[in-house]
Amino acid sequence: MQKYYYVYILTNKQNGVLYTGITNNLLRRVWEHRNKIVKGFTEKYNLNRLVYYEIHEDVGQAINREKNIKKWKREWKINLIKKDNPEWIDLYEIMVK
């Protein structure tokens, strides 16, 4: 069975605080963030909107991508989001419908 890994970016509002993470179950992980099950940064800043994600088949590639994005300048992350999601729509809401 093929396993997938997701690198994702959460925010609290357009051009707000950004958080980059990795998971093997995107819907579950975003649900955990939204319901404050994940303590720490995302809870503190109420980061509950999924505005970007990408899918990887190799966990090593996904980990490296997450680490690279975390090192990026804020402007680069914003451009990454705007490229595929210019309106900063909450992608989680679309995925659960």
PDB file of N, CA and C in Angstrom:
ATOM      1  N   MET A   1       0.840  -1.185   0.000  1.00  0.00           N
ATOM      2  CA  MET A   1       0.000   0.000   0.000  1.00  0.00           C
ATOM      3  C   MET A   1       0.883   1.246   0.000  1.00  0.00           C
ATOM      4  N   GLN A   2       0.583   2.157  -0.900  1.00  0.00           N
ATOM      5  CA  GLN A   2       1.347   3.399  -1.030  1.00  0.00           C
ATOM      6  C   GLN A   2       1.054   4.324   0.140  1.00  0.00           C
ATOM      7  N   LYS A   3       2.091   4.895   0.715  1.00  0.00           N
ATOM      8  CA  LYS A   3       1.949   5.850   1.811  1.00  0.00           C
ATOM      9  C   LYS A   3       2.335   7.230   1.288  1.00  0.00           C
ATOM     10  N   TYR A   4       1.620   8.231   1.738  1.00  0.00           N
ATOM     11  CA  TYR A   4       1.895   9.597   1.317  1.00  0.00           C
ATOM     12  C   TYR A   4       2.226  10.458   2.525  1.00  0.00           C
ATOM     13  N   TYR A   5       3.010  11.490   2.273  1.00  0.00           N
ATOM     14  CA  TYR A   5       3.436  12.419   3.310  1.00  0.00           C
ATOM     15  C   TYR A   5       3.135  13.822   2.813  1.00  0.00           C
ATOM     16  N   TYR A   6       2.661  14.646   3.716  1.00  0.00           N
ATOM     17  CA  TYR A   6       2.196  15.977   3.357  1.00  0.00           C
ATOM     18  C   TYR A   6       3.010  17.042   4.083  1.00  0.00           C
ATOM     19  N   VAL A   7       3.498  18.003   3.329  1.00  0.00           N
ATOM     20  CA  VAL A   7       4.099  19.201   3.892  1.00  0.00           C
ATOM     21  C   VAL A   7       3.027  20.270   3.759  1.00  0.00           C
ATOM     22  N   TYR A   8       2.754  20.959   4.849  1.00  0.00           N
ATOM     23  CA  TYR A   8       1.613  21.877   4.847  1.00  0.00           C
ATOM     24  C   TYR A   8       1.949  23.189   5.544  1.00  0.00           C
ATOM     25  N   ILE A   9       1.148  24.204   5.229  1.00  0.00           N
ATOM     26  CA  ILE A   9       1.287  25.506   5.880  1.00  0.00           C
ATOM     27  C   ILE A   9      -0.079  25.910   6.434  1.00  0.00           C
ATOM     28  N   LEU A  10      -0.071  26.286   7.703  1.00  0.00           N
ATOM     29  CA  LEU A  10      -1.257  26.796   8.379  1.00  0.00           C
ATOM     30  C   LEU A  10      -1.076  28.278   8.665  1.00  0.00           C
ATOM     31  N   THR A  11      -2.199  28.976   8.792  1.00  0.00           N
ATOM     32  CA  THR A  11      -2.184  30.382   9.193  1.00  0.00           C
ATOM     33  C   THR A  11      -3.438  30.661  10.002  1.00  0.00           C
ATOM     34  N   ASN A  12      -3.546  31.889  10.497  1.00  0.00           N
ATOM     35  CA  ASN A  12      -4.750  32.298  11.214  1.00  0.00           C
ATOM     36  C   ASN A  12      -5.565  33.299  10.391  1.00  0.00           C
ATOM     37  N   LYS A  13      -4.939  33.905   9.399  1.00  0.00           N
ATOM     38  CA  LYS A  13      -5.624  34.847   8.516  1.00  0.00           C
ATOM     39  C   LYS A  13      -4.701  35.138   7.341  1.00  0.00           C
ATOM     40  N   GLN A  14      -5.231  35.758   6.312  1.00  0.00           N
ATOM     41  CA  GLN A  14      -4.402  36.101   5.149  1.00  0.00           C
ATOM     42  C   GLN A  14      -3.241  36.970   5.597  1.00  0.00           C
ATOM     43  N   ASN A  15      -2.055  36.588   5.170  1.00  0.00           N
ATOM     44  CA  ASN A  15      -0.807  37.272   5.525  1.00  0.00           C
ATOM     45  C   ASN A  15      -0.533  37.269   7.028  1.00  0.00           C
ATOM     46  N   GLY A  16      -1.114  36.303   7.741  1.00  0.00           N
ATOM     47  CA  GLY A  16      -0.908  36.187   9.182  1.00  0.00           C
ATOM     48  C   GLY A  16       0.310  35.339   9.514  1.00  0.00           C
ATOM     49  N   VAL A  17       0.329  34.857  10.736  1.00  0.00           N
ATOM     50  CA  VAL A  17       1.404  33.991  11.214  1.00  0.00           C
ATOM     51  C   VAL A  17       1.379  32.699  10.396  1.00  0.00           C
ATOM     52  N   LEU A  18       2.558  32.170  10.054  1.00  0.00           N
ATOM     53  CA  LEU A  18       2.653  30.946   9.257  1.00  0.00           C
ATOM     54  C   LEU A  18       3.319  29.835  10.052  1.00  0.00           C
ATOM     55  N   TYR A  19       2.830  28.618   9.846  1.00  0.00           N
ATOM     56  CA  TYR A  19       3.424  27.423  10.458  1.00  0.00           C
ATOM     57  C   TYR A  19       3.562  26.371   9.377  1.00  0.00           C
ATOM     58  N   THR A  20       4.727  25.779   9.283  1.00  0.00           N
ATOM     59  CA  THR A  20       4.977  24.701   8.326  1.00  0.00           C
ATOM     60  C   THR A  20       5.151  23.398   9.086  1.00  0.00           C
ATOM     61  N   GLY A  21       4.465  22.356   8.618  1.00  0.00           N
ATOM     62  CA  GLY A  21       4.550  21.056   9.274  1.00  0.00           C
ATOM     63  C   GLY A  21       4.567  19.920   8.274  1.00  0.00           C
ATOM     64  N   ILE A  22       4.657  18.705   8.816  1.00  0.00           N
ATOM     65  CA  ILE A  22       4.656  17.490   8.002  1.00  0.00           C
ATOM     66  C   ILE A  22       3.788  16.454   8.706  1.00  0.00           C
ATOM     67  N   THR A  23       3.098  15.635   7.913  1.00  0.00           N
ATOM     68  CA  THR A  23       2.256  14.584   8.474  1.00  0.00           C
ATOM     69  C   THR A  23       2.035  13.494   7.435  1.00  0.00           C
ATOM     70  N   ASN A  24       1.570  12.342   7.898  1.00  0.00           N
ATOM     71  CA  ASN A  24       1.184  11.284   6.966  1.00  0.00           C
ATOM     72  C   ASN A  24      -0.339  11.186   6.852  1.00  0.00           C
ATOM     73  N   ASN A  25      -1.061  12.060   7.586  1.00  0.00           N
ATOM     74  CA  ASN A  25      -2.522  12.103   7.511  1.00  0.00           C
ATOM     75  C   ASN A  25      -2.949  13.558   7.657  1.00  0.00           C
ATOM     76  N   LEU A  26      -3.104  14.226   6.528  1.00  0.00           N
ATOM     77  CA  LEU A  26      -3.330  15.668   6.516  1.00  0.00           C
ATOM     78  C   LEU A  26      -4.640  16.066   7.199  1.00  0.00           C
ATOM     79  N   LEU A  27      -5.727  15.383   6.880  1.00  0.00           N
ATOM     80  CA  LEU A  27      -7.011  15.750   7.475  1.00  0.00           C
ATOM     81  C   LEU A  27      -6.988  15.597   8.990  1.00  0.00           C
ATOM     82  N   ARG A  28      -6.442  14.491   9.472  1.00  0.00           N
ATOM     83  CA  ARG A  28      -6.364  14.274  10.914  1.00  0.00           C
ATOM     84  C   ARG A  28      -5.507  15.343  11.596  1.00  0.00           C
ATOM     85  N   ARG A  29      -4.366  15.635  11.005  1.00  0.00           N
ATOM     86  CA  ARG A  29      -3.435  16.585  11.618  1.00  0.00           C
ATOM     87  C   ARG A  29      -4.014  17.995  11.663  1.00  0.00           C
ATOM     88  N   VAL A  30      -4.646  18.435  10.587  1.00  0.00           N
ATOM     89  CA  VAL A  30      -5.251  19.769  10.590  1.00  0.00           C
ATOM     90  C   VAL A  30      -6.404  19.799  11.590  1.00  0.00           C
ATOM     91  N   TRP A  31      -7.189  18.729  11.679  1.00  0.00           N
ATOM     92  CA  TRP A  31      -8.258  18.642  12.669  1.00  0.00           C
ATOM     93  C   TRP A  31      -7.675  18.800  14.073  1.00  0.00           C
ATOM     94  N   GLU A  32      -6.549  18.152  14.325  1.00  0.00           N
ATOM     95  CA  GLU A  32      -5.894  18.273  15.639  1.00  0.00           C
ATOM     96  C   GLU A  32      -5.480  19.718  15.911  1.00  0.00           C
ATOM     97  N   HIS A  33      -4.924  20.383  14.920  1.00  0.00           N
ATOM     98  CA  HIS A  33      -4.550  21.787  15.092  1.00  0.00           C
ATOM     99  C   HIS A  33      -5.795  22.635  15.367  1.00  0.00           C
ATOM    100  N   ARG A  34      -6.832  22.441  14.597  1.00  0.00           N
ATOM    101  CA  ARG A  34      -8.049  23.244  14.723  1.00  0.00           C
ATOM    102  C   ARG A  34      -8.736  23.052  16.076  1.00  0.00           C
ATOM    103  N   ASN A  35      -8.602  21.866  16.634  1.00  0.00           N
ATOM    104  CA  ASN A  35      -9.256  21.548  17.903  1.00  0.00           C
ATOM    105  C   ASN A  35      -8.315  21.676  19.099  1.00  0.00           C
ATOM    106  N   LYS A  36      -7.174  22.320  18.868  1.00  0.00           N
ATOM    107  CA  LYS A  36      -6.209  22.649  19.929  1.00  0.00           C
ATOM    108  C   LYS A  36      -5.668  21.401  20.647  1.00  0.00           C
ATOM    109  N   ILE A  37      -5.629  20.293  19.934  1.00  0.00           N
ATOM    110  CA  ILE A  37      -5.051  19.073  20.496  1.00  0.00           C
ATOM    111  C   ILE A  37      -3.533  19.157  20.444  1.00  0.00           C
ATOM    112  N   VAL A  38      -3.030  19.889  19.455  1.00  0.00           N
ATOM    113  CA  VAL A  38      -1.592  20.112  19.310  1.00  0.00           C
ATOM    114  C   VAL A  38      -1.236  21.338  20.148  1.00  0.00           C
ATOM    115  N   LYS A  39      -0.502  21.116  21.226  1.00  0.00           N
ATOM    116  CA  LYS A  39      -0.104  22.219  22.105  1.00  0.00           C
ATOM    117  C   LYS A  39       1.127  22.906  21.526  1.00  0.00           C
ATOM    118  N   GLY A  40       1.277  24.182  21.849  1.00  0.00           N
ATOM    119  CA  GLY A  40       2.468  24.895  21.407  1.00  0.00           C
ATOM    120  C   GLY A  40       2.149  26.028  20.457  1.00  0.00           C
ATOM    121  N   PHE A  41       2.986  26.164  19.429  1.00  0.00           N
ATOM    122  CA  PHE A  41       2.951  27.310  18.523  1.00  0.00           C
ATOM    123  C   PHE A  41       1.595  27.492  17.847  1.00  0.00           C
ATOM    124  N   THR A  42       1.055  26.413  17.275  1.00  0.00           N
ATOM    125  CA  THR A  42      -0.201  26.548  16.530  1.00  0.00           C
ATOM    126  C   THR A  42      -1.368  26.872  17.461  1.00  0.00           C
ATOM    127  N   GLU A  43      -1.318  26.357  18.670  1.00  0.00           N
ATOM    128  CA  GLU A  43      -2.364  26.675  19.648  1.00  0.00           C
ATOM    129  C   GLU A  43      -2.245  28.137  20.083  1.00  0.00           C
ATOM    130  N   LYS A  44      -1.037  28.562  20.383  1.00  0.00           N
ATOM    131  CA  LYS A  44      -0.791  29.920  20.873  1.00  0.00           C
ATOM    132  C   LYS A  44      -1.283  30.978  19.891  1.00  0.00           C
ATOM    133  N   TYR A  45      -1.030  30.759  18.613  1.00  0.00           N
ATOM    134  CA  TYR A  45      -1.385  31.748  17.601  1.00  0.00           C
ATOM    135  C   TYR A  45      -2.677  31.419  16.853  1.00  0.00           C
ATOM    136  N   ASN A  46      -3.409  30.415  17.326  1.00  0.00           N
ATOM    137  CA  ASN A  46      -4.687  30.021  16.729  1.00  0.00           C
ATOM    138  C   ASN A  46      -4.565  29.758  15.229  1.00  0.00           C
ATOM    139  N   LEU A  47      -3.568  28.974  14.868  1.00  0.00           N
ATOM    140  CA  LEU A  47      -3.329  28.650  13.455  1.00  0.00           C
ATOM    141  C   LEU A  47      -4.227  27.477  13.076  1.00  0.00           C
ATOM    142  N   ASN A  48      -5.285  27.770  12.353  1.00  0.00           N
ATOM    143  CA  ASN A  48      -6.291  26.748  12.066  1.00  0.00           C
ATOM    144  C   ASN A  48      -6.743  26.721  10.616  1.00  0.00           C
ATOM    145  N   ARG A  49      -6.097  27.479   9.751  1.00  0.00           N
ATOM    146  CA  ARG A  49      -6.470  27.517   8.334  1.00  0.00           C
ATOM    147  C   ARG A  49      -5.363  26.872   7.497  1.00  0.00           C
ATOM    148  N   LEU A  50      -5.718  25.827   6.786  1.00  0.00           N
ATOM    149  CA  LEU A  50      -4.791  25.161   5.871  1.00  0.00           C
ATOM    150  C   LEU A  50      -4.787  25.936   4.560  1.00  0.00           C
ATOM    151  N   VAL A  51      -3.661  26.567   4.253  1.00  0.00           N
ATOM    152  CA  VAL A  51      -3.614  27.387   3.040  1.00  0.00           C
ATOM    153  C   VAL A  51      -2.690  26.820   1.965  1.00  0.00           C
ATOM    154  N   TYR A  52      -1.910  25.792   2.322  1.00  0.00           N
ATOM    155  CA  TYR A  52      -1.010  25.194   1.339  1.00  0.00           C
ATOM    156  C   TYR A  52      -0.652  23.781   1.785  1.00  0.00           C
ATOM    157  N   TYR A  53      -0.540  22.881   0.808  1.00  0.00           N
ATOM    158  CA  TYR A  53       0.030  21.557   1.088  1.00  0.00           C
ATOM    159  C   TYR A  53       0.569  20.969  -0.200  1.00  0.00           C
ATOM    160  N   GLU A  54       1.492  20.064  -0.024  1.00  0.00           N
ATOM    161  CA  GLU A  54       2.025  19.301  -1.153  1.00  0.00           C
ATOM    162  C   GLU A  54       2.202  17.861  -0.707  1.00  0.00           C
ATOM    163  N   ILE A  55       2.140  16.961  -1.656  1.00  0.00           N
ATOM    164  CA  ILE A  55       2.167  15.534  -1.379  1.00  0.00           C
ATOM    165  C   ILE A  55       3.502  14.943  -1.828  1.00  0.00           C
ATOM    166  N   HIS A  56       4.053  14.070  -0.981  1.00  0.00           N
ATOM    167  CA  HIS A  56       5.301  13.380  -1.287  1.00  0.00           C
ATOM    168  C   HIS A  56       5.116  11.887  -1.048  1.00  0.00           C
ATOM    169  N   GLU A  57       5.761  11.083  -1.877  1.00  0.00           N
ATOM    170  CA  GLU A  57       5.712   9.634  -1.691  1.00  0.00           C
ATOM    171  C   GLU A  57       6.865   9.141  -0.835  1.00  0.00           C
ATOM    172  N   ASP A  58       7.908   9.943  -0.706  1.00  0.00           N
ATOM    173  CA  ASP A  58       9.092   9.551   0.050  1.00  0.00           C
ATOM    174  C   ASP A  58       9.192  10.397   1.318  1.00  0.00           C
ATOM    175  N   VAL A  59       9.232   9.756   2.471  1.00  0.00           N
ATOM    176  CA  VAL A  59       9.252  10.486   3.734  1.00  0.00           C
ATOM    177  C   VAL A  59      10.508  11.355   3.860  1.00  0.00           C
ATOM    178  N   GLY A  60      11.631  10.874   3.356  1.00  0.00           N
ATOM    179  CA  GLY A  60      12.870  11.652   3.413  1.00  0.00           C
ATOM    180  C   GLY A  60      12.761  12.941   2.627  1.00  0.00           C
ATOM    181  N   GLN A  61      12.167  12.861   1.438  1.00  0.00           N
ATOM    182  CA  GLN A  61      11.966  14.069   0.628  1.00  0.00           C
ATOM    183  C   GLN A  61      11.023  15.040   1.327  1.00  0.00           C
ATOM    184  N   ALA A  62       9.985  14.509   1.945  1.00  0.00           N
ATOM    185  CA  ALA A  62       9.028  15.366   2.647  1.00  0.00           C
ATOM    186  C   ALA A  62       9.687  16.073   3.831  1.00  0.00           C
ATOM    187  N   ILE A  63      10.478  15.353   4.581  1.00  0.00           N
ATOM    188  CA  ILE A  63      11.187  15.948   5.728  1.00  0.00           C
ATOM    189  C   ILE A  63      12.142  17.036   5.252  1.00  0.00           C
ATOM    190  N   ASN A  64      12.888  16.757   4.195  1.00  0.00           N
ATOM    191  CA  ASN A  64      13.815  17.759   3.659  1.00  0.00           C
ATOM    192  C   ASN A  64      13.079  18.990   3.151  1.00  0.00           C
ATOM    193  N   ARG A  65      11.952  18.774   2.486  1.00  0.00           N
ATOM    194  CA  ARG A  65      11.167  19.903   1.976  1.00  0.00           C
ATOM    195  C   ARG A  65      10.651  20.763   3.130  1.00  0.00           C
ATOM    196  N   GLU A  66      10.138  20.119   4.175  1.00  0.00           N
ATOM    197  CA  GLU A  66       9.649  20.869   5.332  1.00  0.00           C
ATOM    198  C   GLU A  66      10.776  21.698   5.947  1.00  0.00           C
ATOM    199  N   LYS A  67      11.935  21.073   6.138  1.00  0.00           N
ATOM    200  CA  LYS A  67      13.082  21.790   6.721  1.00  0.00           C
ATOM    201  C   LYS A  67      13.494  22.970   5.857  1.00  0.00           C
ATOM    202  N   ASN A  68      13.506  22.778   4.533  1.00  0.00           N
ATOM    203  CA  ASN A  68      13.872  23.867   3.628  1.00  0.00           C
ATOM    204  C   ASN A  68      12.873  25.019   3.702  1.00  0.00           C
ATOM    205  N   ILE A  69      11.589  24.699   3.651  1.00  0.00           N
ATOM    206  CA  ILE A  69      10.568  25.751   3.706  1.00  0.00           C
ATOM    207  C   ILE A  69      10.668  26.523   5.018  1.00  0.00           C
ATOM    208  N   LYS A  70      10.917  25.823   6.107  1.00  0.00           N
ATOM    209  CA  LYS A  70      11.036  26.495   7.410  1.00  0.00           C
ATOM    210  C   LYS A  70      12.187  27.504   7.421  1.00  0.00           C
ATOM    211  N   LYS A  71      13.196  27.285   6.610  1.00  0.00           N
ATOM    212  CA  LYS A  71      14.353  28.194   6.546  1.00  0.00           C
ATOM    213  C   LYS A  71      14.105  29.382   5.618  1.00  0.00           C
ATOM    214  N   TRP A  72      13.063  29.290   4.800  1.00  0.00           N
ATOM    215  CA  TRP A  72      12.784  30.331   3.814  1.00  0.00           C
ATOM    216  C   TRP A  72      12.422  31.651   4.480  1.00  0.00           C
ATOM    217  N   LYS A  73      12.632  32.712   3.716  1.00  0.00           N
ATOM    218  CA  LYS A  73      12.130  34.024   4.112  1.00  0.00           C
ATOM    219  C   LYS A  73      10.598  33.989   4.055  1.00  0.00           C
ATOM    220  N   ARG A  74       9.992  34.782   4.898  1.00  0.00           N
ATOM    221  CA  ARG A  74       8.530  34.856   4.946  1.00  0.00           C
ATOM    222  C   ARG A  74       7.936  35.165   3.562  1.00  0.00           C
ATOM    223  N   GLU A  75       8.546  36.085   2.848  1.00  0.00           N
ATOM    224  CA  GLU A  75       8.065  36.480   1.524  1.00  0.00           C
ATOM    225  C   GLU A  75       7.997  35.279   0.579  1.00  0.00           C
ATOM    226  N   TRP A  76       8.986  34.396   0.642  1.00  0.00           N
ATOM    227  CA  TRP A  76       9.006  33.223  -0.229  1.00  0.00           C
ATOM    228  C   TRP A  76       7.833  32.289   0.113  1.00  0.00           C
ATOM    229  N   LYS A  77       7.551  32.134   1.406  1.00  0.00           N
ATOM    230  CA  LYS A  77       6.436  31.277   1.825  1.00  0.00           C
ATOM    231  C   LYS A  77       5.111  31.869   1.343  1.00  0.00           C
ATOM    232  N   ILE A  78       4.974  33.165   1.473  1.00  0.00           N
ATOM    233  CA  ILE A  78       3.752  33.833   1.013  1.00  0.00           C
ATOM    234  C   ILE A  78       3.583  33.651  -0.490  1.00  0.00           C
ATOM    235  N   ASN A  79       4.666  33.776  -1.238  1.00  0.00           N
ATOM    236  CA  ASN A  79       4.602  33.572  -2.694  1.00  0.00           C
ATOM    237  C   ASN A  79       4.223  32.136  -3.035  1.00  0.00           C
ATOM    238  N   LEU A  80       4.715  31.173  -2.262  1.00  0.00           N
ATOM    239  CA  LEU A  80       4.366  29.769  -2.471  1.00  0.00           C
ATOM    240  C   LEU A  80       2.860  29.571  -2.280  1.00  0.00           C
ATOM    241  N   ILE A  81       2.321  30.147  -1.237  1.00  0.00           N
ATOM    242  CA  ILE A  81       0.883  30.044  -0.972  1.00  0.00           C
ATOM    243  C   ILE A  81       0.093  30.717  -2.093  1.00  0.00           C
ATOM    244  N   LYS A  82       0.471  31.942  -2.432  1.00  0.00           N
ATOM    245  CA  LYS A  82      -0.271  32.719  -3.440  1.00  0.00           C
ATOM    246  C   LYS A  82      -0.269  32.061  -4.816  1.00  0.00           C
ATOM    247  N   LYS A  83       0.779  31.314  -5.115  1.00  0.00           N
ATOM    248  CA  LYS A  83       0.878  30.672  -6.429  1.00  0.00           C
ATOM    249  C   LYS A  83      -0.304  29.727  -6.662  1.00  0.00           C
ATOM    250  N   ASP A  84      -0.649  28.937  -5.669  1.00  0.00           N
ATOM    251  CA  ASP A  84      -1.731  27.958  -5.818  1.00  0.00           C
ATOM    252  C   ASP A  84      -3.023  28.372  -5.122  1.00  0.00           C
ATOM    253  N   ASN A  85      -2.942  29.316  -4.188  1.00  0.00           N
ATOM    254  CA  ASN A  85      -4.105  29.684  -3.392  1.00  0.00           C
ATOM    255  C   ASN A  85      -4.102  31.198  -3.159  1.00  0.00           C
ATOM    256  N   PRO A  86      -4.291  31.981  -4.225  1.00  0.00           N
ATOM    257  CA  PRO A  86      -4.166  33.437  -4.109  1.00  0.00           C
ATOM    258  C   PRO A  86      -5.166  34.075  -3.150  1.00  0.00           C
ATOM    259  N   GLU A  87      -6.291  33.427  -2.918  1.00  0.00           N
ATOM    260  CA  GLU A  87      -7.305  33.975  -2.006  1.00  0.00           C
ATOM    261  C   GLU A  87      -7.126  33.483  -0.571  1.00  0.00           C
ATOM    262  N   TRP A  88      -6.126  32.666  -0.342  1.00  0.00           N
ATOM    263  CA  TRP A  88      -5.857  32.103   0.989  1.00  0.00           C
ATOM    264  C   TRP A  88      -7.086  31.362   1.529  1.00  0.00           C
ATOM    265  N   ILE A  89      -7.736  30.612   0.665  1.00  0.00           N
ATOM    266  CA  ILE A  89      -8.915  29.828   1.050  1.00  0.00           C
ATOM    267  C   ILE A  89      -8.469  28.719   2.009  1.00  0.00           C
ATOM    268  N   ASP A  90      -9.318  28.406   2.994  1.00  0.00           N
ATOM    269  CA  ASP A  90      -9.038  27.308   3.917  1.00  0.00           C
ATOM    270  C   ASP A  90      -9.277  25.989   3.177  1.00  0.00           C
ATOM    271  N   LEU A  91      -8.218  25.346   2.765  1.00  0.00           N
ATOM    272  CA  LEU A  91      -8.312  24.119   1.968  1.00  0.00           C
ATOM    273  C   LEU A  91      -8.909  22.960   2.762  1.00  0.00           C
ATOM    274  N   TYR A  92      -8.771  22.988   4.058  1.00  0.00           N
ATOM    275  CA  TYR A  92      -9.360  21.944   4.899  1.00  0.00           C
ATOM    276  C   TYR A  92     -10.873  21.912   4.717  1.00  0.00           C
ATOM    277  N   GLU A  93     -11.491  23.082   4.690  1.00  0.00           N
ATOM    278  CA  GLU A  93     -12.949  23.157   4.530  1.00  0.00           C
ATOM    279  C   GLU A  93     -13.398  22.537   3.210  1.00  0.00           C
ATOM    280  N   ILE A  94     -12.611  22.703   2.181  1.00  0.00           N
ATOM    281  CA  ILE A  94     -12.930  22.111   0.872  1.00  0.00           C
ATOM    282  C   ILE A  94     -12.752  20.605   0.927  1.00  0.00           C
ATOM    283  N   MET A  95     -11.705  20.142   1.600  1.00  0.00           N
ATOM    284  CA  MET A  95     -11.393  18.714   1.635  1.00  0.00           C
ATOM    285  C   MET A  95     -12.414  17.902   2.431  1.00  0.00           C
ATOM    286  N   VAL A  96     -13.008  18.486   3.447  1.00  0.00           N
ATOM    287  CA  VAL A  96     -13.939  17.717   4.297  1.00  0.00           C
ATOM    288  C   VAL A  96     -15.376  17.736   3.777  1.00  0.00           C
ATOM    289  N   LYS A  97     -15.626  18.508   2.728  1.00  0.00           N
ATOM    290  CA  LYS A  97     -16.996  18.544   2.161  1.00  0.00           C
ATOM    291  C   LYS A  97     -17.246  17.363   1.276  1.00  0.00           C
TER     292      LYS A  97
END
